[in-house]
């Protein structure tokens, strides 16, 4: 009656089997692209951080130049290795994280020292009686 243009059961079964066969390949491709995007995001976020005046004031010019140079090299590598495997992207990101970790520690360590001195001491703990007071014990 209305069978014209419809797929037969065999055609449907064949399509389902093909989809299942390609699912693993699709998942691997998805993971590879996620790793590539993660590396690219890491590079651009780190470059952006290094351009902020607040960060520049906490690092030496050599540290900034060296890091930017390494990030530029990583970006060139990424551009020329678009079809690399997931593991290559992950390894490259880990390599960059190792390079930038000391700088980030230096930036946040200085933040913590400056913030800890001002935030850890209250000017007058009794000035605001809206909540409990916290006394520091040495």
Protein backbone atom coordinates (compact mmCIF):
# COMPACT_ATOMS: atom_id res chain seq x y z
CA UNK A 1 0.00 0.00 0.00
CA UNK A 2 2.30 2.75 1.24
CA UNK A 3 5.60 0.84 0.91
CA UNK A 4 7.01 2.99 -1.89
CA UNK A 5 10.02 5.00 -0.69
CA UNK A 6 10.29 3.17 2.63
CA UNK A 7 13.30 1.21 3.76
CA UNK A 8 13.04 -2.53 4.04
CA UNK A 9 13.78 -4.28 7.32
CA UNK A 10 17.09 -5.45 5.83
CA UNK A 11 18.07 -1.88 4.91
CA UNK A 12 17.21 -0.62 8.37
CA UNK A 13 19.15 -3.44 10.02
CA UNK A 14 22.14 -2.75 7.76
CA UNK A 15 22.08 0.95 8.68
CA UNK A 16 21.87 0.20 12.40
CA UNK A 17 24.82 -2.21 12.15
CA UNK A 18 26.88 0.38 10.27
CA UNK A 19 26.07 3.03 12.88
CA UNK A 20 27.19 0.71 15.66
CA UNK A 21 30.38 -0.11 13.77
CA UNK A 22 31.24 3.59 13.38
CA UNK A 23 30.28 4.54 16.94
CA UNK A 24 33.71 3.66 18.39
CA UNK A 25 35.46 5.59 15.64
CA UNK A 26 33.16 8.56 16.22
CA UNK A 27 33.85 8.47 19.97
CA UNK A 28 37.62 8.41 19.37
CA UNK A 29 37.28 11.35 16.99
CA UNK A 30 35.21 13.24 19.56
CA UNK A 31 37.87 12.67 22.24
CA UNK A 32 40.63 13.74 19.83
CA UNK A 33 38.81 16.97 18.99
CA UNK A 34 38.12 17.66 22.69
CA UNK A 35 41.84 17.24 23.46
CA UNK A 36 42.78 19.54 20.55
CA UNK A 37 40.28 22.17 21.68
CA UNK A 38 41.52 21.86 25.27
CA UNK A 39 45.11 22.50 24.18
CA UNK A 40 44.10 25.44 22.02
CA UNK A 41 42.04 26.91 24.85
CA UNK A 42 44.92 26.47 27.30
CA UNK A 43 47.32 28.26 24.95
CA UNK A 44 45.01 31.22 24.34
CA UNK A 45 43.94 31.55 27.99
CA UNK A 46 47.55 31.50 29.15
CA UNK A 47 48.60 34.03 26.51
CA UNK A 48 45.72 36.26 27.57
CA UNK A 49 46.73 35.98 31.23
CA UNK A 50 50.31 36.95 30.42
CA UNK A 51 49.07 40.11 28.72
CA UNK A 52 47.20 41.38 31.78
CA UNK A 53 48.93 44.26 33.52
CA UNK A 54 48.37 42.71 36.94
CA UNK A 55 50.24 39.57 35.86
CA UNK A 56 52.98 41.48 34.06
CA UNK A 57 53.76 43.36 37.26
CA UNK A 58 54.49 40.09 39.09
CA UNK A 59 56.79 38.49 36.51
CA UNK A 60 60.09 39.50 35.00
CA UNK A 61 60.26 40.51 31.35
CA UNK A 62 62.34 37.40 30.64
CA UNK A 63 59.70 35.13 32.19
CA UNK A 64 56.96 36.74 30.11
CA UNK A 65 58.98 36.65 26.87
CA UNK A 66 60.06 33.05 27.42
CA UNK A 67 56.52 31.90 28.16
CA UNK A 68 55.03 33.76 25.22
CA UNK A 69 57.67 32.28 22.94
CA UNK A 70 56.90 28.75 24.13
CA UNK A 71 53.16 29.34 23.74
CA UNK A 72 53.70 30.68 20.21
CA UNK A 73 55.71 27.57 19.34
CA UNK A 74 52.95 25.37 20.75
CA UNK A 75 50.37 27.26 18.69
CA UNK A 76 52.46 26.76 15.53
CA UNK A 77 52.76 23.08 16.40
CA UNK A 78 48.99 22.89 16.83
CA UNK A 79 48.38 24.60 13.50
CA UNK A 80 50.67 22.19 11.67
CA UNK A 81 49.41 19.07 13.50
CA UNK A 82 45.63 19.40 13.21
CA UNK A 83 45.30 15.66 12.62
CA UNK A 84 47.47 14.56 15.55
CA UNK A 85 46.21 11.88 17.89
CA UNK A 86 44.50 12.65 21.20
CA UNK A 87 47.57 11.56 23.17
CA UNK A 88 49.78 14.03 21.30
CA UNK A 89 47.48 16.93 22.18
CA UNK A 90 47.29 15.81 25.81
CA UNK A 91 51.09 15.42 26.03
CA UNK A 92 51.64 18.86 24.52
CA UNK A 93 49.24 20.42 27.03
CA UNK A 94 50.96 18.67 29.95
CA UNK A 95 54.30 19.95 28.66
CA UNK A 96 52.96 23.52 28.59
CA UNK A 97 51.38 23.13 32.03
CA UNK A 98 54.77 22.09 33.43
CA UNK A 99 56.38 25.15 31.85
CA UNK A 100 53.75 27.59 33.08
CA UNK A 101 53.14 26.08 36.54
CA UNK A 102 56.05 27.91 38.23
CA UNK A 103 54.87 31.22 36.79
CA UNK A 104 51.29 30.68 37.90
CA UNK A 105 52.53 29.70 41.36
CA UNK A 106 54.56 32.88 41.50
CA UNK A 107 51.57 34.99 40.46
CA UNK A 108 49.13 33.40 42.90
CA UNK A 109 51.67 33.15 45.70
CA UNK A 110 52.14 36.91 45.58
CA UNK A 111 48.36 37.34 45.51
CA UNK A 112 48.04 35.11 48.55
CA UNK A 113 50.68 37.00 50.50
CA UNK A 114 49.17 40.39 49.77
CA UNK A 115 45.62 39.18 50.30
CA UNK A 116 46.44 37.24 53.44
CA UNK A 117 47.81 40.29 55.22
CA UNK A 118 44.83 42.50 54.52
CA UNK A 119 42.07 39.90 54.72
CA UNK A 120 43.38 38.12 57.79
CA UNK A 121 43.21 41.18 60.03
CA UNK A 122 40.04 43.00 60.90
CA UNK A 123 40.30 46.71 61.54
CA UNK A 124 37.85 46.73 64.43
CA UNK A 125 36.11 43.42 65.07
CA UNK A 126 33.57 45.05 67.39
CA UNK A 127 32.57 47.78 64.91
CA UNK A 128 30.01 45.48 63.31
CA UNK A 129 27.92 43.46 65.74
CA UNK A 130 25.80 41.85 63.01
CA UNK A 131 27.47 38.45 63.32
CA UNK A 132 29.90 36.41 65.33
CA UNK A 133 33.41 37.73 65.76
CA UNK A 134 36.45 35.66 65.00
CA UNK A 135 39.54 36.02 67.11
CA UNK A 136 42.89 34.93 65.76
CA UNK A 137 44.90 32.60 67.94
CA UNK A 138 48.67 32.39 67.44
